[in-house]
Amino acid sequence: MMEFLKKAFSDMKESAKAQHEADKANFAAAKAESKAQWEEAKAMGRPETMKKIQQEKRDAQIREANERIEAARKRIDDAKNK
């Protein structure tokens, strides 16, 4: 009976250590994510960052519009050749 209890308590101790390591890793991940969100929010307050993001959005819109124009031209050409 004594060996059973020793083994049971030893297993519980190992399990607690493993869970502690998992908790530490999860805490570190949450802390890093929080810092990343803070830095992103801070960057959004800078005018140059906002200008860059807005320019990227406009560039994407222009690319999409150009693709639509090319698709429409192809459809027009296909319709004329029928």
C-alpha atoms as a PDB file:
ATOM      1  CA  MET A   1       0.000   0.000   0.000  1.00  0.00           C
ATOM      2  CA  MET A   2       2.853   2.349   0.835  1.00  0.00           C
ATOM      3  CA  GLU A   3       4.447   1.882  -2.600  1.00  0.00           C
ATOM      4  CA  PHE A   4       1.114   2.608  -4.265  1.00  0.00           C
ATOM      5  CA  LEU A   5       0.811   5.921  -2.411  1.00  0.00           C
ATOM      6  CA  LYS A   6       4.424   6.862  -3.176  1.00  0.00           C
ATOM      7  CA  LYS A   7       3.867   6.175  -6.859  1.00  0.00           C
ATOM      8  CA  ALA A   8       0.553   8.062  -6.851  1.00  0.00           C
ATOM      9  CA  PHE A   9       2.081  11.127  -5.199  1.00  0.00           C
ATOM     10  CA  SER A  10       5.093  10.949  -7.508  1.00  0.00           C
ATOM     11  CA  ASP A  11       2.770  10.866 -10.527  1.00  0.00           C
ATOM     12  CA  MET A  12       0.789  13.819  -9.175  1.00  0.00           C
ATOM     13  CA  LYS A  13       4.023  15.759  -8.635  1.00  0.00           C
ATOM     14  CA  GLU A  14       5.173  15.100 -12.218  1.00  0.00           C
ATOM     15  CA  SER A  15       1.754  16.019 -13.561  1.00  0.00           C
ATOM     16  CA  ALA A  16       1.762  19.266 -11.577  1.00  0.00           C
ATOM     17  CA  LYS A  17       5.228  20.142 -12.927  1.00  0.00           C
ATOM     18  CA  ALA A  18       4.122  19.452 -16.494  1.00  0.00           C
ATOM     19  CA  GLN A  19       0.971  21.528 -16.040  1.00  0.00           C
ATOM     20  CA  HIS A  20       3.036  24.360 -14.554  1.00  0.00           C
ATOM     21  CA  GLU A  21       5.276  24.340 -17.633  1.00  0.00           C
ATOM     22  CA  ALA A  22       2.214  24.429 -19.909  1.00  0.00           C
ATOM     23  CA  ASP A  23       0.745  27.304 -17.896  1.00  0.00           C
ATOM     24  CA  LYS A  24       4.028  29.233 -18.093  1.00  0.00           C
ATOM     25  CA  ALA A  25       4.143  28.753 -21.877  1.00  0.00           C
ATOM     26  CA  ASN A  26       0.522  29.884 -22.277  1.00  0.00           C
ATOM     27  CA  PHE A  27       1.142  32.928 -20.089  1.00  0.00           C
ATOM     28  CA  ALA A  28       4.217  33.871 -22.123  1.00  0.00           C
ATOM     29  CA  ALA A  29       2.232  33.518 -25.356  1.00  0.00           C
ATOM     30  CA  ALA A  30      -0.604  35.697 -24.036  1.00  0.00           C
ATOM     31  CA  LYS A  31       1.902  38.286 -22.852  1.00  0.00           C
ATOM     32  CA  ALA A  32       3.616  38.363 -26.265  1.00  0.00           C
ATOM     33  CA  GLU A  33       0.277  38.675 -28.085  1.00  0.00           C
ATOM     34  CA  SER A  34      -0.744  41.523 -25.802  1.00  0.00           C
ATOM     35  CA  LYS A  35       2.527  43.352 -26.471  1.00  0.00           C
ATOM     36  CA  ALA A  36       2.079  42.852 -30.222  1.00  0.00           C
ATOM     37  CA  GLN A  37      -1.433  44.319 -30.066  1.00  0.00           C
ATOM     38  CA  TRP A  38      -0.132  47.277 -28.078  1.00  0.00           C
ATOM     39  CA  GLU A  39       2.665  47.941 -30.575  1.00  0.00           C
ATOM     40  CA  GLU A  40       0.218  47.696 -33.489  1.00  0.00           C
ATOM     41  CA  ALA A  41      -2.150  50.141 -31.811  1.00  0.00           C
ATOM     42  CA  LYS A  42       0.734  52.489 -31.081  1.00  0.00           C
ATOM     43  CA  ALA A  43       1.896  52.298 -34.708  1.00  0.00           C
ATOM     44  CA  MET A  44      -1.593  53.166 -35.938  1.00  0.00           C
ATOM     45  CA  GLY A  45      -1.296  56.489 -34.136  1.00  0.00           C
ATOM     46  CA  ARG A  46       1.657  57.547 -36.280  1.00  0.00           C
ATOM     47  CA  PRO A  47       0.714  59.511 -39.414  1.00  0.00           C
ATOM     48  CA  GLU A  48       3.323  57.804 -41.594  1.00  0.00           C
ATOM     49  CA  THR A  49       1.941  54.387 -40.679  1.00  0.00           C
ATOM     50  CA  MET A  50      -1.597  55.449 -41.508  1.00  0.00           C
ATOM     51  CA  LYS A  51      -0.457  56.933 -44.834  1.00  0.00           C
ATOM     52  CA  LYS A  52       1.337  53.703 -45.709  1.00  0.00           C
ATOM     53  CA  ILE A  53      -1.702  51.557 -44.871  1.00  0.00           C
ATOM     54  CA  GLN A  54      -4.024  53.825 -46.838  1.00  0.00           C
ATOM     55  CA  GLN A  55      -1.667  53.777 -49.830  1.00  0.00           C
ATOM     56  CA  GLU A  56      -1.517  49.977 -49.723  1.00  0.00           C
ATOM     57  CA  LYS A  57      -5.333  49.845 -49.722  1.00  0.00           C
ATOM     58  CA  ARG A  58      -5.503  52.233 -52.686  1.00  0.00           C
ATOM     59  CA  ASP A  59      -2.882  50.230 -54.575  1.00  0.00           C
ATOM     60  CA  ALA A  60      -4.880  47.049 -53.996  1.00  0.00           C
ATOM     61  CA  GLN A  61      -8.044  48.752 -55.231  1.00  0.00           C
ATOM     62  CA  ILE A  62      -6.243  49.962 -58.350  1.00  0.00           C
ATOM     63  CA  ARG A  63      -4.874  46.471 -59.058  1.00  0.00           C
ATOM     64  CA  GLU A  64      -8.337  44.974 -58.640  1.00  0.00           C
ATOM     65  CA  ALA A  65      -9.893  47.614 -60.919  1.00  0.00           C
ATOM     66  CA  ASN A  66      -7.234  46.978 -63.579  1.00  0.00           C
ATOM     67  CA  GLU A  67      -7.916  43.245 -63.423  1.00  0.00           C
ATOM     68  CA  ARG A  68     -11.632  43.906 -63.867  1.00  0.00           C
ATOM     69  CA  ILE A  69     -10.899  46.187 -66.838  1.00  0.00           C
ATOM     70  CA  GLU A  70      -8.770  43.492 -68.473  1.00  0.00           C
ATOM     71  CA  ALA A  71     -11.466  40.881 -67.881  1.00  0.00           C
ATOM     72  CA  ALA A  72     -14.092  43.191 -69.407  1.00  0.00           C
ATOM     73  CA  ARG A  73     -11.875  43.897 -72.432  1.00  0.00           C
ATOM     74  CA  LYS A  74     -11.385  40.181 -72.959  1.00  0.00           C
ATOM     75  CA  ARG A  75     -15.134  39.614 -72.803  1.00  0.00           C
ATOM     76  CA  ILE A  76     -15.667  42.436 -75.317  1.00  0.00           C
ATOM     77  CA  ASP A  77     -13.074  40.971 -77.675  1.00  0.00           C
ATOM     78  CA  ASP A  78     -14.598  37.503 -77.331  1.00  0.00           C
ATOM     79  CA  ALA A  79     -18.068  38.890 -78.053  1.00  0.00           C
ATOM     80  CA  LYS A  80     -16.825  40.734 -81.155  1.00  0.00           C
ATOM     81  CA  ASN A  81     -15.106  37.612 -82.527  1.00  0.00           C
ATOM     82  CA  LYS A  82     -18.216  35.437 -82.350  1.00  0.00           C
END
